[in-house]
Amino acid sequence: MNTHAKMRLLLALLAAGVAHAQAPTEKVTPTEEAKIDFSTVDKDANGKLSKEEALSVADLESMFDRLDTDRDGSVSPTEYSRWSRAGKAIPLPHDPTTAPSGSAGSQHMPSH
């Protein structure tokens, strides 16, 4: 192999290496729709989703009846976890100090 042929081969290999380095290493897939946590939709934090709460997310509203497998009119965290866009299916813990009862926090009121 003469010097001229070696140079052409070297240039061809370099060009192939540059082209390979610029090519994406993995296939580009369409982005998934954002996951939505149960607690985001459970506005009243009662541990279940009503049909009214589901109205805030179009996909969830259309799937509500299919997700409500026990047909109790609400979607539990377990039922919610079967939804394709379900994020964390853990409800927020019930905090009695934030309950709408008139006495919540009254023990902390200063007395005069």
PDB file of N, CA and C in Angstrom:
ATOM      1  N   MET A   1       0.857  -1.155   0.000  1.00  0.00           N
ATOM      2  CA  MET A   1       0.000   0.000   0.000  1.00  0.00           C
ATOM      3  C   MET A   1       0.912   1.229   0.000  1.00  0.00           C
ATOM      4  N   ASN A   2       0.687   2.104  -0.949  1.00  0.00           N
ATOM      5  CA  ASN A   2       1.547   3.281  -1.030  1.00  0.00           C
ATOM      6  C   ASN A   2       1.081   4.362  -0.062  1.00  0.00           C
ATOM      7  N   THR A   3       1.866   5.393   0.089  1.00  0.00           N
ATOM      8  CA  THR A   3       1.589   6.463   1.040  1.00  0.00           C
ATOM      9  C   THR A   3       0.285   7.176   0.713  1.00  0.00           C
ATOM     10  N   HIS A   4       0.015   7.384  -0.555  1.00  0.00           N
ATOM     11  CA  HIS A   4      -1.213   8.073  -0.971  1.00  0.00           C
ATOM     12  C   HIS A   4      -2.444   7.248  -0.578  1.00  0.00           C
ATOM     13  N   ALA A   5      -2.414   5.967  -0.756  1.00  0.00           N
ATOM     14  CA  ALA A   5      -3.534   5.089  -0.405  1.00  0.00           C
ATOM     15  C   ALA A   5      -3.721   5.043   1.107  1.00  0.00           C
ATOM     16  N   LYS A   6      -2.609   5.032   1.850  1.00  0.00           N
ATOM     17  CA  LYS A   6      -2.689   5.032   3.317  1.00  0.00           C
ATOM     18  C   LYS A   6      -3.343   6.317   3.823  1.00  0.00           C
ATOM     19  N   MET A   7      -2.996   7.458   3.196  1.00  0.00           N
ATOM     20  CA  MET A   7      -3.587   8.740   3.599  1.00  0.00           C
ATOM     21  C   MET A   7      -5.097   8.749   3.342  1.00  0.00           C
ATOM     22  N   ARG A   8      -5.504   8.219   2.179  1.00  0.00           N
ATOM     23  CA  ARG A   8      -6.935   8.170   1.875  1.00  0.00           C
ATOM     24  C   ARG A   8      -7.676   7.284   2.876  1.00  0.00           C
ATOM     25  N   LEU A   9      -7.078   6.144   3.217  1.00  0.00           N
ATOM     26  CA  LEU A   9      -7.682   5.237   4.194  1.00  0.00           C
ATOM     27  C   LEU A   9      -7.779   5.907   5.560  1.00  0.00           C
ATOM     28  N   LEU A  10      -6.721   6.600   5.974  1.00  0.00           N
ATOM     29  CA  LEU A  10      -6.712   7.293   7.256  1.00  0.00           C
ATOM     30  C   LEU A  10      -7.782   8.393   7.284  1.00  0.00           C
ATOM     31  N   LEU A  11      -7.890   9.164   6.199  1.00  0.00           N
ATOM     32  CA  LEU A  11      -8.904  10.213   6.123  1.00  0.00           C
ATOM     33  C   LEU A  11     -10.319   9.626   6.147  1.00  0.00           C
ATOM     34  N   ALA A  12     -10.515   8.509   5.476  1.00  0.00           N
ATOM     35  CA  ALA A  12     -11.827   7.859   5.465  1.00  0.00           C
ATOM     36  C   ALA A  12     -12.187   7.375   6.866  1.00  0.00           C
ATOM     37  N   LEU A  13     -11.215   6.802   7.575  1.00  0.00           N
ATOM     38  CA  LEU A  13     -11.478   6.337   8.942  1.00  0.00           C
ATOM     39  C   LEU A  13     -11.770   7.503   9.877  1.00  0.00           C
ATOM     40  N   LEU A  14     -11.038   8.602   9.725  1.00  0.00           N
ATOM     41  CA  LEU A  14     -11.282   9.783  10.552  1.00  0.00           C
ATOM     42  C   LEU A  14     -12.674  10.360  10.279  1.00  0.00           C
ATOM     43  N   ALA A  15     -13.057  10.426   9.014  1.00  0.00           N
ATOM     44  CA  ALA A  15     -14.374  10.943   8.660  1.00  0.00           C
ATOM     45  C   ALA A  15     -15.474  10.063   9.236  1.00  0.00           C
ATOM     46  N   ALA A  16     -15.275   8.762   9.187  1.00  0.00           N
ATOM     47  CA  ALA A  16     -16.266   7.833   9.744  1.00  0.00           C
ATOM     48  C   ALA A  16     -16.365   8.003  11.261  1.00  0.00           C
ATOM     49  N   GLY A  17     -15.230   8.206  11.920  1.00  0.00           N
ATOM     50  CA  GLY A  17     -15.223   8.404  13.373  1.00  0.00           C
ATOM     51  C   GLY A  17     -15.943   9.677  13.770  1.00  0.00           C
ATOM     52  N   VAL A  18     -15.723  10.761  13.018  1.00  0.00           N
ATOM     53  CA  VAL A  18     -16.402  12.019  13.307  1.00  0.00           C
ATOM     54  C   VAL A  18     -17.898  11.873  13.090  1.00  0.00           C
ATOM     55  N   ALA A  19     -18.304  11.220  12.018  1.00  0.00           N
ATOM     56  CA  ALA A  19     -19.726  11.021  11.737  1.00  0.00           C
ATOM     57  C   ALA A  19     -20.368  10.191  12.843  1.00  0.00           C
ATOM     58  N   HIS A  20     -19.676   9.161  13.321  1.00  0.00           N
ATOM     59  CA  HIS A  20     -20.202   8.309  14.391  1.00  0.00           C
ATOM     60  C   HIS A  20     -20.320   9.095  15.691  1.00  0.00           C
ATOM     61  N   ALA A  21     -19.343   9.948  15.983  1.00  0.00           N
ATOM     62  CA  ALA A  21     -19.366  10.727  17.222  1.00  0.00           C
ATOM     63  C   ALA A  21     -20.512  11.733  17.218  1.00  0.00           C
ATOM     64  N   GLN A  22     -20.918  12.198  16.047  1.00  0.00           N
ATOM     65  CA  GLN A  22     -21.986  13.179  15.970  1.00  0.00           C
ATOM     66  C   GLN A  22     -23.367  12.532  15.941  1.00  0.00           C
ATOM     67  N   ALA A  23     -23.435  11.253  15.650  1.00  0.00           N
ATOM     68  CA  ALA A  23     -24.725  10.559  15.597  1.00  0.00           C
ATOM     69  C   ALA A  23     -25.230  10.341  17.019  1.00  0.00           C
ATOM     70  N   PRO A  24     -26.551  10.430  17.254  1.00  0.00           N
ATOM     71  CA  PRO A  24     -27.077  10.172  18.598  1.00  0.00           C
ATOM     72  C   PRO A  24     -26.793   8.737  19.008  1.00  0.00           C
ATOM     73  N   THR A  25     -26.489   8.551  20.283  1.00  0.00           N
ATOM     74  CA  THR A  25     -26.136   7.217  20.762  1.00  0.00           C
ATOM     75  C   THR A  25     -27.362   6.369  21.083  1.00  0.00           C
ATOM     76  N   GLU A  26     -28.501   7.004  21.349  1.00  0.00           N
ATOM     77  CA  GLU A  26     -29.717   6.225  21.577  1.00  0.00           C
ATOM     78  C   GLU A  26     -30.880   6.863  20.844  1.00  0.00           C
ATOM     79  N   LYS A  27     -31.877   6.079  20.599  1.00  0.00           N
ATOM     80  CA  LYS A  27     -33.028   6.573  19.862  1.00  0.00           C
ATOM     81  C   LYS A  27     -33.765   7.615  20.684  1.00  0.00           C
ATOM     82  N   VAL A  28     -34.249   8.622  20.007  1.00  0.00           N
ATOM     83  CA  VAL A  28     -35.031   9.651  20.666  1.00  0.00           C
ATOM     84  C   VAL A  28     -36.483   9.191  20.685  1.00  0.00           C
ATOM     85  N   THR A  29     -37.055   9.164  21.875  1.00  0.00           N
ATOM     86  CA  THR A  29     -38.453   8.752  22.001  1.00  0.00           C
ATOM     87  C   THR A  29     -39.281   9.960  22.400  1.00  0.00           C
ATOM     88  N   PRO A  30     -40.535   9.982  22.031  1.00  0.00           N
ATOM     89  CA  PRO A  30     -41.369  11.109  22.431  1.00  0.00           C
ATOM     90  C   PRO A  30     -41.460  11.181  23.947  1.00  0.00           C
ATOM     91  N   THR A  31     -41.537  12.376  24.465  1.00  0.00           N
ATOM     92  CA  THR A  31     -41.606  12.536  25.915  1.00  0.00           C
ATOM     93  C   THR A  31     -42.942  12.032  26.443  1.00  0.00           C
ATOM     94  N   GLU A  32     -42.900  11.440  27.616  1.00  0.00           N
ATOM     95  CA  GLU A  32     -44.122  10.972  28.263  1.00  0.00           C
ATOM     96  C   GLU A  32     -44.852  12.177  28.846  1.00  0.00           C
ATOM     97  N   GLU A  33     -46.138  12.041  28.981  1.00  0.00           N
ATOM     98  CA  GLU A  33     -46.869  13.101  29.653  1.00  0.00           C
ATOM     99  C   GLU A  33     -46.486  13.069  31.127  1.00  0.00           C
ATOM    100  N   ALA A  34     -46.521  14.224  31.736  1.00  0.00           N
ATOM    101  CA  ALA A  34     -46.113  14.356  33.123  1.00  0.00           C
ATOM    102  C   ALA A  34     -46.953  13.468  34.040  1.00  0.00           C
ATOM    103  N   LYS A  35     -46.293  12.890  35.017  1.00  0.00           N
ATOM    104  CA  LYS A  35     -46.984  12.093  36.030  1.00  0.00           C
ATOM    105  C   LYS A  35     -47.622  13.039  37.037  1.00  0.00           C
ATOM    106  N   ILE A  36     -48.737  12.644  37.580  1.00  0.00           N
ATOM    107  CA  ILE A  36     -49.480  13.471  38.535  1.00  0.00           C
ATOM    108  C   ILE A  36     -49.666  12.675  39.819  1.00  0.00           C
ATOM    109  N   ASP A  37     -49.208  13.238  40.924  1.00  0.00           N
ATOM    110  CA  ASP A  37     -49.347  12.576  42.215  1.00  0.00           C
ATOM    111  C   ASP A  37     -50.792  12.624  42.699  1.00  0.00           C
ATOM    112  N   PHE A  38     -51.190  11.586  43.401  1.00  0.00           N
ATOM    113  CA  PHE A  38     -52.539  11.477  43.962  1.00  0.00           C
ATOM    114  C   PHE A  38     -52.882  12.699  44.802  1.00  0.00           C
ATOM    115  N   SER A  39     -51.951  13.121  45.656  1.00  0.00           N
ATOM    116  CA  SER A  39     -52.218  14.234  46.569  1.00  0.00           C
ATOM    117  C   SER A  39     -52.472  15.544  45.836  1.00  0.00           C
ATOM    118  N   THR A  40     -51.987  15.667  44.608  1.00  0.00           N
ATOM    119  CA  THR A  40     -52.232  16.868  43.816  1.00  0.00           C
ATOM    120  C   THR A  40     -53.698  16.965  43.408  1.00  0.00           C
ATOM    121  N   VAL A  41     -54.313  15.838  43.120  1.00  0.00           N
ATOM    122  CA  VAL A  41     -55.702  15.810  42.664  1.00  0.00           C
ATOM    123  C   VAL A  41     -56.673  15.738  43.844  1.00  0.00           C
ATOM    124  N   ASP A  42     -56.261  15.119  44.933  1.00  0.00           N
ATOM    125  CA  ASP A  42     -57.112  14.951  46.121  1.00  0.00           C
ATOM    126  C   ASP A  42     -57.158  16.265  46.906  1.00  0.00           C
ATOM    127  N   LYS A  43     -57.936  17.210  46.403  1.00  0.00           N
ATOM    128  CA  LYS A  43     -57.977  18.567  46.955  1.00  0.00           C
ATOM    129  C   LYS A  43     -58.445  18.624  48.403  1.00  0.00           C
ATOM    130  N   ASP A  44     -59.398  17.772  48.787  1.00  0.00           N
ATOM    131  CA  ASP A  44     -59.891  17.808  50.164  1.00  0.00           C
ATOM    132  C   ASP A  44     -59.107  16.871  51.092  1.00  0.00           C
ATOM    133  N   ALA A  45     -58.077  16.221  50.551  1.00  0.00           N
ATOM    134  CA  ALA A  45     -57.173  15.349  51.317  1.00  0.00           C
ATOM    135  C   ALA A  45     -57.907  14.303  52.147  1.00  0.00           C
ATOM    136  N   ASN A  46     -58.971  13.723  51.577  1.00  0.00           N
ATOM    137  CA  ASN A  46     -59.714  12.693  52.308  1.00  0.00           C
ATOM    138  C   ASN A  46     -59.279  11.278  51.931  1.00  0.00           C
ATOM    139  N   GLY A  47     -58.257  11.160  51.077  1.00  0.00           N
ATOM    140  CA  GLY A  47     -57.730   9.841  50.737  1.00  0.00           C
ATOM    141  C   GLY A  47     -58.437   9.138  49.604  1.00  0.00           C
ATOM    142  N   LYS A  48     -59.347   9.837  48.933  1.00  0.00           N
ATOM    143  CA  LYS A  48     -60.017   9.272  47.762  1.00  0.00           C
ATOM    144  C   LYS A  48     -60.369  10.417  46.816  1.00  0.00           C
ATOM    145  N   LEU A  49     -60.504  10.082  45.548  1.00  0.00           N
ATOM    146  CA  LEU A  49     -60.814  11.101  44.551  1.00  0.00           C
ATOM    147  C   LEU A  49     -62.275  11.016  44.148  1.00  0.00           C
ATOM    148  N   SER A  50     -62.932  12.149  44.207  1.00  0.00           N
ATOM    149  CA  SER A  50     -64.315  12.216  43.731  1.00  0.00           C
ATOM    150  C   SER A  50     -64.285  12.548  42.248  1.00  0.00           C
ATOM    151  N   LYS A  51     -65.424  12.382  41.613  1.00  0.00           N
ATOM    152  CA  LYS A  51     -65.535  12.721  40.193  1.00  0.00           C
ATOM    153  C   LYS A  51     -65.264  14.215  39.990  1.00  0.00           C
ATOM    154  N   GLU A  52     -65.688  15.037  40.935  1.00  0.00           N
ATOM    155  CA  GLU A  52     -65.457  16.480  40.848  1.00  0.00           C
ATOM    156  C   GLU A  52     -63.962  16.798  40.883  1.00  0.00           C
ATOM    157  N   GLU A  53     -63.222  16.113  41.751  1.00  0.00           N
ATOM    158  CA  GLU A  53     -61.776  16.337  41.823  1.00  0.00           C
ATOM    159  C   GLU A  53     -61.096  15.890  40.529  1.00  0.00           C
ATOM    160  N   ALA A  54     -61.583  14.818  39.941  1.00  0.00           N
ATOM    161  CA  ALA A  54     -61.008  14.297  38.696  1.00  0.00           C
ATOM    162  C   ALA A  54     -61.225  15.244  37.522  1.00  0.00           C
ATOM    163  N   LEU A  55     -62.205  16.137  37.631  1.00  0.00           N
ATOM    164  CA  LEU A  55     -62.481  17.082  36.544  1.00  0.00           C
ATOM    165  C   LEU A  55     -61.289  17.981  36.235  1.00  0.00           C
ATOM    166  N   SER A  56     -60.390  18.159  37.193  1.00  0.00           N
ATOM    167  CA  SER A  56     -59.250  19.050  36.991  1.00  0.00           C
ATOM    168  C   SER A  56     -58.206  18.478  36.036  1.00  0.00           C
ATOM    169  N   VAL A  57     -58.311  17.186  35.718  1.00  0.00           N
ATOM    170  CA  VAL A  57     -57.361  16.544  34.797  1.00  0.00           C
ATOM    171  C   VAL A  57     -58.173  15.788  33.748  1.00  0.00           C
ATOM    172  N   ALA A  58     -58.120  16.271  32.511  1.00  0.00           N
ATOM    173  CA  ALA A  58     -58.960  15.700  31.450  1.00  0.00           C
ATOM    174  C   ALA A  58     -58.768  14.196  31.291  1.00  0.00           C
ATOM    175  N   ASP A  59     -57.518  13.726  31.262  1.00  0.00           N
ATOM    176  CA  ASP A  59     -57.261  12.289  31.095  1.00  0.00           C
ATOM    177  C   ASP A  59     -57.861  11.480  32.240  1.00  0.00           C
ATOM    178  N   LEU A  60     -57.754  12.013  33.432  1.00  0.00           N
ATOM    179  CA  LEU A  60     -58.266  11.309  34.602  1.00  0.00           C
ATOM    180  C   LEU A  60     -59.790  11.286  34.587  1.00  0.00           C
ATOM    181  N   GLU A  61     -60.380  12.386  34.204  1.00  0.00           N
ATOM    182  CA  GLU A  61     -61.839  12.451  34.126  1.00  0.00           C
ATOM    183  C   GLU A  61     -62.378  11.390  33.170  1.00  0.00           C
ATOM    184  N   SER A  62     -61.738  11.240  32.019  1.00  0.00           N
ATOM    185  CA  SER A  62     -62.222  10.265  31.035  1.00  0.00           C
ATOM    186  C   SER A  62     -61.984   8.824  31.479  1.00  0.00           C
ATOM    187  N   MET A  63     -61.030   8.601  32.380  1.00  0.00           N
ATOM    188  CA  MET A  63     -60.719   7.252  32.864  1.00  0.00           C
ATOM    189  C   MET A  63     -61.390   6.928  34.205  1.00  0.00           C
ATOM    190  N   PHE A  64     -62.053   7.891  34.796  1.00  0.00           N
ATOM    191  CA  PHE A  64     -62.577   7.749  36.155  1.00  0.00           C
ATOM    192  C   PHE A  64     -63.395   6.477  36.345  1.00  0.00           C
ATOM    193  N   ASP A  65     -64.380   6.253  35.486  1.00  0.00           N
ATOM    194  CA  ASP A  65     -65.259   5.090  35.660  1.00  0.00           C
ATOM    195  C   ASP A  65     -64.506   3.770  35.501  1.00  0.00           C
ATOM    196  N   ARG A  66     -63.505   3.728  34.638  1.00  0.00           N
ATOM    197  CA  ARG A  66     -62.709   2.498  34.488  1.00  0.00           C
ATOM    198  C   ARG A  66     -61.813   2.272  35.697  1.00  0.00           C
ATOM    199  N   LEU A  67     -61.274   3.354  36.256  1.00  0.00           N
ATOM    200  CA  LEU A  67     -60.403   3.224  37.424  1.00  0.00           C
ATOM    201  C   LEU A  67     -61.188   2.844  38.677  1.00  0.00           C
ATOM    202  N   ASP A  68     -62.424   3.293  38.785  1.00  0.00           N
ATOM    203  CA  ASP A  68     -63.266   3.006  39.946  1.00  0.00           C
ATOM    204  C   ASP A  68     -63.782   1.571  39.858  1.00  0.00           C
ATOM    205  N   THR A  69     -62.887   0.622  40.088  1.00  0.00           N
ATOM    206  CA  THR A  69     -63.222  -0.796  39.889  1.00  0.00           C
ATOM    207  C   THR A  69     -64.216  -1.334  40.916  1.00  0.00           C
ATOM    208  N   ASP A  70     -64.261  -0.745  42.112  1.00  0.00           N
ATOM    209  CA  ASP A  70     -65.227  -1.235  43.101  1.00  0.00           C
ATOM    210  C   ASP A  70     -66.562  -0.483  43.024  1.00  0.00           C
ATOM    211  N   ARG A  71     -66.676   0.417  42.076  1.00  0.00           N
ATOM    212  CA  ARG A  71     -67.910   1.155  41.785  1.00  0.00           C
ATOM    213  C   ARG A  71     -68.504   1.864  43.009  1.00  0.00           C
ATOM    214  N   ASP A  72     -67.615   2.459  43.830  1.00  0.00           N
ATOM    215  CA  ASP A  72     -68.114   3.195  44.990  1.00  0.00           C
ATOM    216  C   ASP A  72     -68.218   4.698  44.730  1.00  0.00           C
ATOM    217  N   GLY A  73     -67.962   5.115  43.496  1.00  0.00           N
ATOM    218  CA  GLY A  73     -68.083   6.529  43.149  1.00  0.00           C
ATOM    219  C   GLY A  73     -66.848   7.355  43.446  1.00  0.00           C
ATOM    220  N   SER A  74     -65.785   6.691  43.883  1.00  0.00           N
ATOM    221  CA  SER A  74     -64.528   7.395  44.147  1.00  0.00           C
ATOM    222  C   SER A  74     -63.362   6.511  43.696  1.00  0.00           C
ATOM    223  N   VAL A  75     -62.205   7.138  43.530  1.00  0.00           N
ATOM    224  CA  VAL A  75     -61.003   6.407  43.126  1.00  0.00           C
ATOM    225  C   VAL A  75     -60.042   6.405  44.301  1.00  0.00           C
ATOM    226  N   SER A  76     -59.708   5.216  44.769  1.00  0.00           N
ATOM    227  CA  SER A  76     -58.787   5.052  45.893  1.00  0.00           C
ATOM    228  C   SER A  76     -57.344   5.184  45.382  1.00  0.00           C
ATOM    229  N   PRO A  77     -56.370   5.327  46.280  1.00  0.00           N
ATOM    230  CA  PRO A  77     -54.976   5.361  45.850  1.00  0.00           C
ATOM    231  C   PRO A  77     -54.568   4.109  45.057  1.00  0.00           C
ATOM    232  N   THR A  78     -55.073   2.947  45.454  1.00  0.00           N
ATOM    233  CA  THR A  78     -54.764   1.706  44.731  1.00  0.00           C
ATOM    234  C   THR A  78     -55.332   1.751  43.324  1.00  0.00           C
ATOM    235  N   GLU A  79     -56.576   2.179  43.206  1.00  0.00           N
ATOM    236  CA  GLU A  79     -57.194   2.295  41.881  1.00  0.00           C
ATOM    237  C   GLU A  79     -56.456   3.347  41.046  1.00  0.00           C
ATOM    238  N   TYR A  80     -56.083   4.447  41.669  1.00  0.00           N
ATOM    239  CA  TYR A  80     -55.375   5.539  40.996  1.00  0.00           C
ATOM    240  C   TYR A  80     -54.037   5.058  40.428  1.00  0.00           C
ATOM    241  N   SER A  81     -53.355   4.198  41.164  1.00  0.00           N
ATOM    242  CA  SER A  81     -52.030   3.725  40.733  1.00  0.00           C
ATOM    243  C   SER A  81     -52.089   2.959  39.416  1.00  0.00           C
ATOM    244  N   ARG A  82     -53.257   2.523  39.003  1.00  0.00           N
ATOM    245  CA  ARG A  82     -53.413   1.798  37.729  1.00  0.00           C
ATOM    246  C   ARG A  82     -53.535   2.740  36.537  1.00  0.00           C
ATOM    247  N   TRP A  83     -53.654   4.042  36.794  1.00  0.00           N
ATOM    248  CA  TRP A  83     -53.756   5.041  35.736  1.00  0.00           C
ATOM    249  C   TRP A  83     -52.384   5.260  35.112  1.00  0.00           C
ATOM    250  N   SER A  84     -52.315   5.391  33.802  1.00  0.00           N
ATOM    251  CA  SER A  84     -51.032   5.506  33.101  1.00  0.00           C
ATOM    252  C   SER A  84     -50.237   6.748  33.486  1.00  0.00           C
ATOM    253  N   ARG A  85     -50.888   7.794  33.949  1.00  0.00           N
ATOM    254  CA  ARG A  85     -50.175   9.017  34.321  1.00  0.00           C
ATOM    255  C   ARG A  85     -50.021   9.178  35.828  1.00  0.00           C
ATOM    256  N   ALA A  86     -50.309   8.115  36.576  1.00  0.00           N
ATOM    257  CA  ALA A  86     -50.229   8.196  38.033  1.00  0.00           C
ATOM    258  C   ALA A  86     -48.790   8.361  38.481  1.00  0.00           C
ATOM    259  N   GLY A  87     -48.577   9.374  39.308  1.00  0.00           N
ATOM    260  CA  GLY A  87     -47.298   9.540  39.988  1.00  0.00           C
ATOM    261  C   GLY A  87     -47.400   8.785  41.306  1.00  0.00           C
ATOM    262  N   LYS A  88     -46.986   9.424  42.368  1.00  0.00           N
ATOM    263  CA  LYS A  88     -47.092   8.801  43.688  1.00  0.00           C
ATOM    264  C   LYS A  88     -48.564   8.671  44.053  1.00  0.00           C
ATOM    265  N   ALA A  89     -48.960   7.474  44.428  1.00  0.00           N
ATOM    266  CA  ALA A  89     -50.364   7.213  44.748  1.00  0.00           C
ATOM    267  C   ALA A  89     -50.595   7.214  46.248  1.00  0.00           C
ATOM    268  N   ILE A  90     -49.768   7.939  46.971  1.00  0.00           N
ATOM    269  CA  ILE A  90     -49.897   7.979  48.429  1.00  0.00           C
ATOM    270  C   ILE A  90     -50.660   9.241  48.818  1.00  0.00           C
ATOM    271  N   PRO A  91     -51.777   9.100  49.524  1.00  0.00           N
ATOM    272  CA  PRO A  91     -52.521  10.292  49.944  1.00  0.00           C
ATOM    273  C   PRO A  91     -51.758  11.036  51.032  1.00  0.00           C
ATOM    274  N   LEU A  92     -52.038  12.321  51.169  1.00  0.00           N
ATOM    275  CA  LEU A  92     -51.445  13.086  52.255  1.00  0.00           C
ATOM    276  C   LEU A  92     -52.002  12.586  53.576  1.00  0.00           C
ATOM    277  N   PRO A  93     -51.177  12.532  54.619  1.00  0.00           N
ATOM    278  CA  PRO A  93     -51.711  12.100  55.919  1.00  0.00           C
ATOM    279  C   PRO A  93     -52.699  13.130  56.444  1.00  0.00           C
ATOM    280  N   HIS A  94     -53.711  12.640  57.139  1.00  0.00           N
ATOM    281  CA  HIS A  94     -54.719  13.519  57.718  1.00  0.00           C
ATOM    282  C   HIS A  94     -54.102  14.260  58.901  1.00  0.00           C
ATOM    283  N   ASP A  95     -54.189  15.583  58.892  1.00  0.00           N
ATOM    284  CA  ASP A  95     -53.644  16.406  59.965  1.00  0.00           C
ATOM    285  C   ASP A  95     -54.810  17.045  60.715  1.00  0.00           C
ATOM    286  N   PRO A  96     -55.129  16.573  61.912  1.00  0.00           N
ATOM    287  CA  PRO A  96     -56.295  17.099  62.631  1.00  0.00           C
ATOM    288  C   PRO A  96     -56.175  18.581  62.976  1.00  0.00           C
ATOM    289  N   THR A  97     -54.974  19.128  63.010  1.00  0.00           N
ATOM    290  CA  THR A  97     -54.831  20.554  63.339  1.00  0.00           C
ATOM    291  C   THR A  97     -55.280  21.445  62.198  1.00  0.00           C
ATOM    292  N   THR A  98     -55.440  20.890  61.017  1.00  0.00           N
ATOM    293  CA  THR A  98     -55.912  21.689  59.892  1.00  0.00           C
ATOM    294  C   THR A  98     -57.377  21.416  59.585  1.00  0.00           C
ATOM    295  N   ALA A  99     -58.025  20.625  60.425  1.00  0.00           N
ATOM    296  CA  ALA A  99     -59.437  20.305  60.224  1.00  0.00           C
ATOM    297  C   ALA A  99     -60.281  21.559  60.397  1.00  0.00           C
ATOM    298  N   PRO A 100     -61.382  21.637  59.691  1.00  0.00           N
ATOM    299  CA  PRO A 100     -62.210  22.836  59.781  1.00  0.00           C
ATOM    300  C   PRO A 100     -63.081  22.920  61.028  1.00  0.00           C
ATOM    301  N   SER A 101     -62.720  22.188  62.084  1.00  0.00           N
ATOM    302  CA  SER A 101     -63.515  22.296  63.313  1.00  0.00           C
ATOM    303  C   SER A 101     -63.115  23.581  64.029  1.00  0.00           C
ATOM    304  N   GLY A 102     -64.023  24.164  64.728  1.00  0.00           N
ATOM    305  CA  GLY A 102     -63.778  25.443  65.375  1.00  0.00           C
ATOM    306  C   GLY A 102     -62.762  25.397  66.497  1.00  0.00           C
ATOM    307  N   SER A 103     -62.434  24.217  67.010  1.00  0.00           N
ATOM    308  CA  SER A 103     -61.554  24.151  68.162  1.00  0.00           C
ATOM    309  C   SER A 103     -60.099  23.862  67.804  1.00  0.00           C
ATOM    310  N   ALA A 104     -59.804  23.623  66.535  1.00  0.00           N
ATOM    311  CA  ALA A 104     -58.438  23.292  66.167  1.00  0.00           C
ATOM    312  C   ALA A 104     -57.507  24.449  66.510  1.00  0.00           C
ATOM    313  N   GLY A 105     -56.526  24.166  67.320  1.00  0.00           N
ATOM    314  CA  GLY A 105     -55.554  25.170  67.681  1.00  0.00           C
ATOM    315  C   GLY A 105     -55.954  26.048  68.843  1.00  0.00           C
ATOM    316  N   SER A 106     -57.142  25.862  69.398  1.00  0.00           N
ATOM    317  CA  SER A 106     -57.614  26.754  70.471  1.00  0.00           C
ATOM    318  C   SER A 106     -56.768  26.598  71.735  1.00  0.00           C
ATOM    319  N   GLN A 107     -56.156  25.460  71.925  1.00  0.00           N
ATOM    320  CA  GLN A 107     -55.335  25.252  73.100  1.00  0.00           C
ATOM    321  C   GLN A 107     -54.082  26.144  73.072  1.00  0.00           C
ATOM    322  N   HIS A 108     -53.808  26.710  71.926  1.00  0.00           N
ATOM    323  CA  HIS A 108     -52.618  27.552  71.780  1.00  0.00           C
ATOM    324  C   HIS A 108     -52.956  29.036  71.839  1.00  0.00           C
ATOM    325  N   MET A 109     -54.202  29.349  72.050  1.00  0.00           N
ATOM    326  CA  MET A 109     -54.610  30.749  72.109  1.00  0.00           C
ATOM    327  C   MET A 109     -54.241  31.326  73.482  1.00  0.00           C
ATOM    328  N   PRO A 110     -53.684  32.517  73.479  1.00  0.00           N
ATOM    329  CA  PRO A 110     -53.338  33.113  74.788  1.00  0.00           C
ATOM    330  C   PRO A 110     -54.611  33.460  75.566  1.00  0.00           C
ATOM    331  N   SER A 111     -54.549  33.264  76.849  1.00  0.00           N
ATOM    332  CA  SER A 111     -55.706  33.611  77.692  1.00  0.00           C
ATOM    333  C   SER A 111     -55.430  34.939  78.376  1.00  0.00           C
ATOM    334  N   HIS A 112     -56.446  35.753  78.507  1.00  0.00           N
ATOM    335  CA  HIS A 112     -56.302  37.055  79.155  1.00  0.00           C
ATOM    336  C   HIS A 112     -57.174  37.177  80.368  1.00  0.00           C
TER     337      HIS A 112
END
